[in-house]
Amino acid sequence: MRTKLRCLYGRCLQCLQRETNVTEAAHQHGDLKTSVLLAIETSQRAGSVALRTGDSAVHVERLRTHDRHEDDLLAAIDRLCRRCDVSPGDLDAVGVSVGPGGFTGLRIAVTTVKMFAETLGVKIVAVPSALVAAESFSGKGPISVALTSKRGWFWWTVLQRDADGSWAVAGTPGLADADSVDCAGLTAVLADEFLPESMKEACETGSVPIEPLDLTAEACLAAADRMLRAGAVTDPLALNPLYPRQPEAVSLWQQRHGNSSQ
């Protein structure tokens, strides 16, 4: 990953840091607009990045589907920033969708954001992927988002609209099954095609519509901007993906070798 960051714009890490120092000095003198925000959404198979420039315009770059997230994420950021004539030192903050979701996409996104924080000094906003999904839903609340459905279980997050109309997590998210959740009062459940049949039946019984998940970098950017304004910034050392379960590769290794690290 360090080698790939050296390739961004064809500049080395030291060059990026020098650019950041110049940009910071310009910001202090009021020469450049602020709040240039980058957002990364790679929790699902279709990843994307979004950039809000100093004039408040939002630009989007989709990750190329024939590439793996770790192969195209930095390249997509490079394409987006070049298209918008934005240099790494112009960034003020980076928002990242932290899951739950795909293990590889989350791990690479979080690692990339940590390197941006280390080399550029940008602020980091960790956005729960359920909040990203809710941001794309225009209906009323409360709603629930079901992520990473597998073997009858899913990550369940209930969200409500605040007084200003923005979404906020209500209660404590966690792993659940159809027998442990209550759909009463929900206006919708956002879920993918892997939602367990038992949960689909519970929604049908409760007359709660199931709406498709739509996780985009634009939605991540909107949520990250709101969190940034509220001061919800994450320490890079504390930034981690949200994994509801142990990665399958780890489980298989433990089955073969036991839990011992020996």
Protein backbone atom coordinates (compact mmCIF):
# COMPACT_ATOMS: atom_id res chain seq x y z
CA MET A 1 0.00 0.00 0.00
CA ARG A 2 2.89 2.38 0.73
CA THR A 3 4.18 1.80 -2.81
CA LYS A 4 0.73 2.56 -4.25
CA LEU A 5 0.49 5.79 -2.28
CA ARG A 6 3.82 6.83 -3.76
CA CYS A 7 2.22 6.41 -7.19
CA LEU A 8 -0.68 8.77 -6.48
CA TYR A 9 -0.20 11.71 -8.88
CA GLY A 10 3.29 10.35 -9.48
CA ARG A 11 4.44 11.95 -6.22
CA CYS A 12 6.24 10.44 -3.26
CA LEU A 13 5.10 10.71 0.34
CA GLN A 14 7.54 13.53 1.04
CA CYS A 15 6.12 15.51 -1.89
CA LEU A 16 2.58 15.05 -0.59
CA GLN A 17 3.65 16.32 2.83
CA ARG A 18 5.35 19.37 1.29
CA GLU A 19 2.18 20.12 -0.70
CA THR A 20 0.16 19.87 2.49
CA ASN A 21 2.40 22.40 4.23
CA VAL A 22 1.96 24.85 1.34
CA THR A 23 -1.82 24.34 1.34
CA GLU A 24 -2.07 24.85 5.09
CA ALA A 25 -0.18 28.11 4.81
CA ALA A 26 -2.53 29.27 2.04
CA HIS A 27 -5.57 28.34 4.15
CA GLN A 28 -4.23 30.43 7.02
CA HIS A 29 -3.99 33.44 4.71
CA GLY A 30 -7.47 32.87 3.27
CA ASP A 31 -6.14 32.16 -0.22
CA LEU A 32 -7.96 28.87 -0.71
CA LYS A 33 -11.49 27.67 -0.02
CA THR A 34 -11.88 25.08 2.73
CA SER A 35 -14.10 22.07 3.41
CA VAL A 36 -12.81 20.00 0.52
CA LEU A 37 -14.23 16.62 1.50
CA LEU A 38 -13.49 13.17 0.07
CA ALA A 39 -15.81 10.21 0.78
CA ILE A 40 -15.16 6.51 0.24
CA GLU A 41 -17.81 3.79 0.02
CA THR A 42 -16.46 0.27 -0.54
CA SER A 43 -18.53 -1.73 1.93
CA GLN A 44 -20.45 -3.36 -0.92
CA ARG A 45 -19.46 -4.88 -4.25
CA ALA A 46 -20.03 -1.66 -6.22
CA GLY A 47 -17.60 0.86 -4.72
CA SER A 48 -17.31 4.57 -5.40
CA VAL A 49 -15.61 7.75 -4.21
CA ALA A 50 -17.04 11.26 -4.06
CA LEU A 51 -15.38 14.66 -3.77
CA ARG A 52 -16.88 17.96 -2.71
CA THR A 53 -14.72 20.77 -4.00
CA GLY A 54 -14.31 24.26 -2.57
CA ASP A 55 -17.22 25.58 -4.65
CA SER A 56 -19.54 22.97 -3.02
CA ALA A 57 -19.87 20.94 -6.23
CA VAL A 58 -19.96 17.14 -5.72
CA HIS A 59 -18.15 14.86 -8.16
CA VAL A 60 -18.24 11.05 -8.23
CA GLU A 61 -15.97 8.31 -9.55
CA ARG A 62 -17.09 4.68 -9.65
CA LEU A 63 -14.58 1.95 -8.93
CA ARG A 64 -14.04 -0.21 -11.95
CA THR A 65 -15.93 -3.43 -11.40
CA HIS A 66 -13.39 -5.64 -13.15
CA ASP A 67 -10.78 -4.62 -10.59
CA ARG A 68 -10.65 -5.54 -6.93
CA HIS A 69 -11.17 -2.68 -4.48
CA GLU A 70 -7.53 -2.75 -3.38
CA ASP A 71 -6.41 -2.41 -7.00
CA ASP A 72 -8.64 0.50 -8.03
CA LEU A 73 -9.41 2.56 -4.93
CA LEU A 74 -6.36 4.83 -5.03
CA ALA A 75 -6.53 4.92 -8.81
CA ALA A 76 -10.18 6.05 -8.61
CA ILE A 77 -9.26 8.78 -6.12
CA ASP A 78 -6.47 9.84 -8.46
CA ARG A 79 -8.83 10.00 -11.46
CA LEU A 80 -11.40 11.97 -9.47
CA CYS A 81 -8.94 14.51 -8.09
CA ARG A 82 -7.27 15.01 -11.45
CA ARG A 83 -10.65 15.59 -13.07
CA CYS A 84 -11.51 18.18 -10.42
CA ASP A 85 -8.04 19.75 -10.42
CA VAL A 86 -7.66 19.01 -6.72
CA SER A 87 -4.31 18.08 -5.19
CA PRO A 88 -3.93 15.85 -2.12
CA GLY A 89 -2.93 18.84 -0.02
CA ASP A 90 -6.27 20.51 -0.75
CA LEU A 91 -8.23 17.89 1.20
CA ASP A 92 -9.63 18.98 4.55
CA ALA A 93 -11.30 15.73 5.59
CA VAL A 94 -12.04 12.19 4.44
CA GLY A 95 -15.21 10.30 5.28
CA VAL A 96 -15.21 6.53 5.03
CA SER A 97 -18.01 3.98 5.23
CA VAL A 98 -16.76 1.60 7.95
CA GLY A 99 -19.26 -1.24 7.71
CA PRO A 100 -20.46 -3.75 8.33
CA GLY A 101 -19.80 -4.99 4.83
CA GLY A 102 -17.28 -6.83 2.70
CA PHE A 103 -14.08 -7.67 4.60
CA THR A 104 -11.61 -6.73 1.86
CA GLY A 105 -13.31 -3.52 0.73
CA LEU A 106 -13.57 -2.20 4.29
CA ARG A 107 -10.02 -3.16 5.22
CA ILE A 108 -8.50 -1.46 2.19
CA ALA A 109 -10.62 1.68 2.57
CA VAL A 110 -9.73 2.09 6.24
CA THR A 111 -6.03 1.51 5.57
CA THR A 112 -6.06 4.06 2.76
CA VAL A 113 -7.79 6.67 4.92
CA LYS A 114 -5.29 6.12 7.74
CA MET A 115 -2.43 6.78 5.33
CA PHE A 116 -4.09 9.99 4.14
CA ALA A 117 -4.38 11.10 7.75
CA GLU A 118 -0.74 10.27 8.44
CA THR A 119 0.72 11.91 5.37
CA LEU A 120 -1.69 14.80 4.79
CA GLY A 121 -3.00 15.53 8.27
CA VAL A 122 -6.64 15.43 7.14
CA LYS A 123 -9.52 14.84 9.54
CA ILE A 124 -11.23 11.45 9.44
CA VAL A 125 -14.95 10.79 9.77
CA ALA A 126 -16.01 7.16 10.34
CA VAL A 127 -19.51 6.73 8.91
CA PRO A 128 -21.54 3.61 9.82
CA SER A 129 -22.64 1.95 6.59
CA ALA A 130 -26.22 1.77 7.88
CA LEU A 131 -26.22 5.57 8.01
CA VAL A 132 -24.97 5.66 4.41
CA ALA A 133 -27.85 3.40 3.36
CA ALA A 134 -30.39 5.55 5.22
CA GLU A 135 -29.04 8.71 3.60
CA SER A 136 -30.23 7.41 0.21
CA PHE A 137 -33.75 6.70 1.51
CA SER A 138 -36.18 9.59 1.09
CA GLY A 139 -39.07 8.20 3.12
CA LYS A 140 -40.09 8.81 6.69
CA GLY A 141 -38.73 7.02 9.73
CA PRO A 142 -38.22 5.06 11.74
CA ILE A 143 -36.54 2.53 9.48
CA SER A 144 -34.12 -0.32 9.95
CA VAL A 145 -31.12 -1.32 7.87
CA ALA A 146 -30.17 -5.02 7.67
CA LEU A 147 -26.59 -5.60 6.53
CA THR A 148 -24.34 -8.63 5.98
CA SER A 149 -27.12 -11.22 6.10
CA LYS A 150 -25.75 -14.73 6.53
CA ARG A 151 -27.10 -18.02 7.89
CA GLY A 152 -30.24 -16.40 9.26
CA TRP A 153 -28.42 -13.54 11.01
CA PHE A 154 -27.92 -9.91 10.00
CA TRP A 155 -26.61 -6.62 11.40
CA TRP A 156 -29.70 -4.66 12.51
CA THR A 157 -29.67 -0.86 12.87
CA VAL A 158 -32.73 1.25 13.62
CA LEU A 159 -32.65 4.89 12.51
CA GLN A 160 -34.94 7.86 13.04
CA ARG A 161 -35.06 11.33 11.57
CA ASP A 162 -33.93 14.21 13.79
CA ALA A 163 -35.81 17.49 14.05
CA ASP A 164 -33.87 18.81 11.05
CA GLY A 165 -34.80 15.74 8.96
CA SER A 166 -31.38 14.08 9.06
CA TRP A 167 -30.98 10.41 9.96
CA ALA A 168 -29.61 9.29 13.32
CA VAL A 169 -29.02 5.85 14.82
CA ALA A 170 -31.54 4.92 17.50
CA GLY A 171 -30.57 2.38 20.12
CA THR A 172 -27.67 -0.03 19.81
CA PRO A 173 -27.03 -1.84 16.50
CA GLY A 174 -26.04 -5.49 16.58
CA LEU A 175 -26.41 -8.98 15.19
CA ALA A 176 -29.98 -10.20 15.18
CA ASP A 177 -32.35 -12.75 13.68
CA ALA A 178 -36.04 -12.62 12.85
CA ASP A 179 -37.02 -13.82 16.32
CA SER A 180 -35.09 -11.09 18.14
CA VAL A 181 -36.23 -7.94 16.32
CA ASP A 182 -39.47 -6.01 16.41
CA CYS A 183 -40.76 -4.53 13.16
CA ALA A 184 -43.67 -2.73 14.80
CA GLY A 185 -43.74 0.94 13.86
CA LEU A 186 -41.08 0.70 11.14
CA THR A 187 -41.88 2.38 7.85
CA ALA A 188 -39.36 0.28 5.91
CA VAL A 189 -36.50 -2.21 6.17
CA LEU A 190 -33.54 -1.57 3.87
CA ALA A 191 -31.89 -4.85 2.90
CA ASP A 192 -30.30 -6.76 0.04
CA GLU A 193 -31.39 -9.97 -1.62
CA PHE A 194 -29.66 -12.05 1.06
CA LEU A 195 -32.10 -11.06 3.81
CA PRO A 196 -33.23 -14.35 5.44
CA GLU A 197 -36.62 -15.68 4.40
CA SER A 198 -37.69 -15.67 8.04
CA MET A 199 -37.09 -11.91 8.18
CA LYS A 200 -38.89 -11.36 4.90
CA GLU A 201 -41.88 -13.21 6.33
CA ALA A 202 -41.75 -11.09 9.49
CA CYS A 203 -41.81 -7.92 7.40
CA GLU A 204 -44.72 -9.22 5.35
CA THR A 205 -46.65 -10.12 8.50
CA GLY A 206 -46.05 -6.66 9.91
CA SER A 207 -46.84 -4.93 6.59
CA VAL A 208 -43.35 -3.39 6.53
CA PRO A 209 -41.99 -2.89 2.99
CA ILE A 210 -38.48 -4.10 2.18
CA GLU A 211 -36.53 -1.55 0.16
CA PRO A 212 -33.25 -2.28 -1.68
CA LEU A 213 -29.97 -1.11 -0.21
CA ASP A 214 -28.34 1.81 -1.98
CA LEU A 215 -24.91 2.62 -0.58
CA THR A 216 -23.12 5.34 -2.54
CA ALA A 217 -20.17 7.62 -1.99
CA GLU A 218 -22.49 10.63 -2.44
CA ALA A 219 -24.58 9.44 0.51
CA CYS A 220 -21.42 8.77 2.52
CA LEU A 221 -20.24 12.30 1.76
CA ALA A 222 -23.52 13.84 2.92
CA ALA A 223 -23.44 11.88 6.19
CA ALA A 224 -19.74 12.59 6.73
CA ASP A 225 -20.27 16.32 6.19
CA ARG A 226 -23.03 16.39 8.80
CA MET A 227 -20.90 14.43 11.28
CA LEU A 228 -17.90 16.67 10.59
CA ARG A 229 -19.93 19.78 11.34
CA ALA A 230 -21.01 18.16 14.61
CA GLY A 231 -17.39 17.50 15.53
CA ALA A 232 -17.62 13.71 15.15
CA VAL A 233 -14.01 13.21 14.06
CA THR A 234 -12.20 9.90 14.57
CA ASP A 235 -8.63 9.45 15.76
CA PRO A 236 -6.76 7.59 12.98
CA LEU A 237 -5.34 5.17 15.55
CA ALA A 238 -8.87 4.31 16.68
CA LEU A 239 -10.25 3.84 13.16
CA ASN A 240 -11.24 0.24 12.43
CA PRO A 241 -13.71 -1.51 10.14
CA LEU A 242 -16.89 -2.80 11.74
CA TYR A 243 -16.96 -6.57 11.36
CA PRO A 244 -20.10 -8.26 12.75
CA ARG A 245 -18.45 -11.65 12.49
CA GLN A 246 -15.00 -13.09 12.49
CA PRO A 247 -13.61 -13.17 8.91
CA GLU A 248 -14.26 -16.55 7.30
CA ALA A 249 -10.57 -17.03 6.51
CA VAL A 250 -9.75 -16.66 10.22
CA SER A 251 -12.49 -19.11 11.19
CA LEU A 252 -11.18 -21.68 8.71
CA TRP A 253 -7.62 -21.25 9.99
CA GLN A 254 -8.75 -21.75 13.57
CA GLN A 255 -10.71 -24.84 12.61
CA ARG A 256 -7.56 -26.33 11.09
CA HIS A 257 -5.00 -25.14 13.62
CA GLY A 258 -6.95 -24.29 16.77
CA ASN A 259 -7.13 -20.89 18.49
CA SER A 260 -3.53 -20.94 19.59
CA SER A 261 -1.16 -18.56 17.83
CA GLN A 262 1.61 -21.10 18.17
